Structures are given as C-alpha cells and as structure tokens.
Amino acid sequence: MSLEFLIASAIAVLTAGGIYLSLRGRTFQVVLGLTLLSYAVNLFLFAIGRLVVDRPPLFAKGVTDHADPLPQALVLTAIVITFGMTALVVILSLRSYLESGSDQVDGRTDIPRDETPS
C-alpha cells in the first residue's frame, strides 16, 4: 500500500464524513461536518505539494533537494482561517439555540415520530 493511496483514502473519508454531517439537521453536527471538510482540504493542500520524507522545508547550505514550502504556508493559513470560521459558526449556532430553543438548523422544534405535522 502506497503513501499516495493512504492520503487519498484519508481525504475521501474526511470529505464523505464532512458532507454527511453538514447535511444533518442539528447545528452541532453541521459544525463538525464543516470542520471535517476543512481537515480534508488541509490534507489535499499537503498532497498537491508532493509529499516527501527527510527533506528540509527551507533552503540550507549543501542541500540540493528540499520540500516545497508553498503547501505548508497554505495549510498554516487555512488552519488560522478554519479556527476563526469555526469560532464564528459555534457562536452563531449557540445564539440560534438560545433564541429559538432548538438546535435544529431550520429553527423548528423536534416533531415526535408518532405524530405527523398537519
């Protein structure tokens, strides 16, 4: 099993889980789905930078091969943006819960399964 297959599988699992959770009806699950999607994007950014082992990320004297620093910089930026986005979404979902009394995405209260809405 190759490293590329493992990275591609991890990206696929994180993306599938993120999409599944983002389509759920409760706000906390949506927040977790968005977080999983951001992790998948971070892994994808690393993967496009051609994963290499035992190479310095920056130029050094006497070293001819080095890793590409651009994907690392992009992932660090994405981590900061994801942290801010997650904090904002958590605060918005908390305010929505406090104002509506429900953690449903559409703001409606839970409907019991044995009763049908009229």
Protein backbone atom coordinates (compact mmCIF):
# COMPACT_ATOMS: atom_id res chain seq x y z
CA MET A 1 0.00 0.00 0.00
CA SER A 2 1.46 3.32 -1.03
CA LEU A 3 1.53 6.62 0.79
CA GLU A 4 -0.46 8.26 -2.00
CA PHE A 5 -3.28 5.72 -1.59
CA LEU A 6 -3.40 6.29 2.16
CA ILE A 7 -3.54 10.07 1.77
CA ALA A 8 -6.21 9.83 -0.94
CA SER A 9 -8.25 7.46 1.24
CA ALA A 10 -7.97 9.78 4.24
CA ILE A 11 -9.09 12.74 2.13
CA ALA A 12 -12.03 10.73 0.76
CA VAL A 13 -13.15 9.56 4.22
CA LEU A 14 -12.90 13.06 5.70
CA THR A 15 -14.78 14.56 2.76
CA ALA A 16 -17.54 11.92 2.90
CA GLY A 17 -17.91 12.34 6.67
CA GLY A 18 -17.90 16.12 6.35
CA ILE A 19 -20.59 16.14 3.67
CA TYR A 20 -22.73 13.66 5.62
CA LEU A 21 -22.52 15.68 8.83
CA SER A 22 -23.06 19.00 7.02
CA LEU A 23 -26.36 17.72 5.65
CA ARG A 24 -27.68 16.75 9.09
CA GLY A 25 -30.42 18.74 10.80
CA ARG A 26 -28.69 19.75 14.03
CA THR A 27 -26.26 22.65 14.29
CA PHE A 28 -23.53 20.83 16.21
CA GLN A 29 -23.34 18.13 13.53
CA VAL A 30 -23.11 20.81 10.85
CA VAL A 31 -20.20 22.44 12.70
CA LEU A 32 -18.41 19.08 12.94
CA GLY A 33 -19.04 18.47 9.23
CA LEU A 34 -17.52 21.80 8.28
CA THR A 35 -14.52 21.03 10.47
CA LEU A 36 -14.01 17.64 8.80
CA LEU A 37 -14.23 19.31 5.39
CA SER A 38 -11.55 21.79 6.40
CA TYR A 39 -9.30 18.92 7.53
CA ALA A 40 -9.83 17.27 4.15
CA VAL A 41 -8.84 20.49 2.37
CA ASN A 42 -5.69 20.76 4.51
CA LEU A 43 -4.66 17.22 3.62
CA PHE A 44 -5.40 17.94 -0.03
CA LEU A 45 -3.16 21.02 0.07
CA PHE A 46 -0.37 18.89 1.54
CA ALA A 47 -0.91 16.25 -1.13
CA ILE A 48 -0.64 18.70 -4.03
CA GLY A 49 2.76 19.74 -2.70
CA ARG A 50 4.19 16.26 -3.42
CA LEU A 51 4.79 14.61 -0.08
CA VAL A 52 8.48 14.00 0.54
CA VAL A 53 10.29 12.50 3.52
CA ASP A 54 13.59 13.62 5.10
CA ARG A 55 13.98 16.81 3.12
CA PRO A 56 14.25 20.25 4.76
CA PRO A 57 11.35 22.62 4.07
CA LEU A 58 13.69 25.57 3.54
CA PHE A 59 16.89 26.13 1.63
CA ALA A 60 20.03 25.15 3.51
CA LYS A 61 23.71 25.17 2.64
CA GLY A 62 24.83 21.98 0.98
CA VAL A 63 21.32 20.61 0.45
CA THR A 64 20.24 20.14 -3.15
CA ASP A 65 16.76 18.65 -2.59
CA HIS A 66 14.18 20.41 -0.46
CA ALA A 67 10.44 20.25 0.15
CA ASP A 68 8.13 22.80 -1.41
CA PRO A 69 7.28 25.40 1.30
CA LEU A 70 4.19 26.76 -0.50
CA PRO A 71 1.76 23.98 0.55
CA GLN A 72 2.98 24.31 4.14
CA ALA A 73 2.29 28.04 4.10
CA LEU A 74 -1.14 27.46 2.55
CA VAL A 75 -2.05 24.90 5.22
CA LEU A 76 -0.93 27.19 8.04
CA THR A 77 -3.10 29.96 6.58
CA ALA A 78 -6.02 27.55 6.19
CA ILE A 79 -5.69 26.45 9.82
CA VAL A 80 -5.98 30.05 11.03
CA ILE A 81 -8.96 30.73 8.77
CA THR A 82 -10.63 27.48 9.87
CA PHE A 83 -10.21 28.38 13.53
CA GLY A 84 -11.86 31.76 13.00
CA MET A 85 -14.65 30.25 10.89
CA THR A 86 -15.34 27.52 13.45
CA ALA A 87 -15.47 30.03 16.30
CA LEU A 88 -17.93 32.18 14.34
CA VAL A 89 -20.18 29.23 13.43
CA VAL A 90 -20.20 27.96 17.03
CA ILE A 91 -21.21 31.40 18.33
CA LEU A 92 -23.93 31.72 15.67
CA SER A 93 -25.31 28.27 16.44
CA LEU A 94 -25.25 28.97 20.19
CA ARG A 95 -27.14 32.22 19.68
CA SER A 96 -29.64 30.48 17.43
CA TYR A 97 -30.18 27.81 20.07
CA LEU A 98 -30.64 30.37 22.83
CA GLU A 99 -33.13 32.43 20.81
CA SER A 100 -35.17 29.61 19.29
CA GLY A 101 -34.85 26.95 21.99
CA SER A 102 -33.98 24.33 19.39
CA ASP A 103 -30.74 23.15 17.86
CA GLN A 104 -32.36 22.31 14.54
CA VAL A 105 -30.85 24.07 11.55
CA ASP A 106 -34.23 25.39 10.41
CA GLY A 107 -35.14 26.54 13.95
CA ARG A 108 -38.17 24.28 14.35
CA THR A 109 -38.65 22.17 17.44
CA ASP A 110 -38.45 18.40 17.24
CA ILE A 111 -41.58 16.69 15.94
CA PRO A 112 -42.39 13.40 17.71
CA ARG A 113 -42.20 10.40 15.40
CA ASP A 114 -45.72 9.13 16.19
CA GLU A 115 -47.35 12.46 15.28
CA THR A 116 -47.49 13.82 11.79
CA PRO A 117 -47.45 17.56 11.15
CA SER A 118 -50.72 19.00 9.94
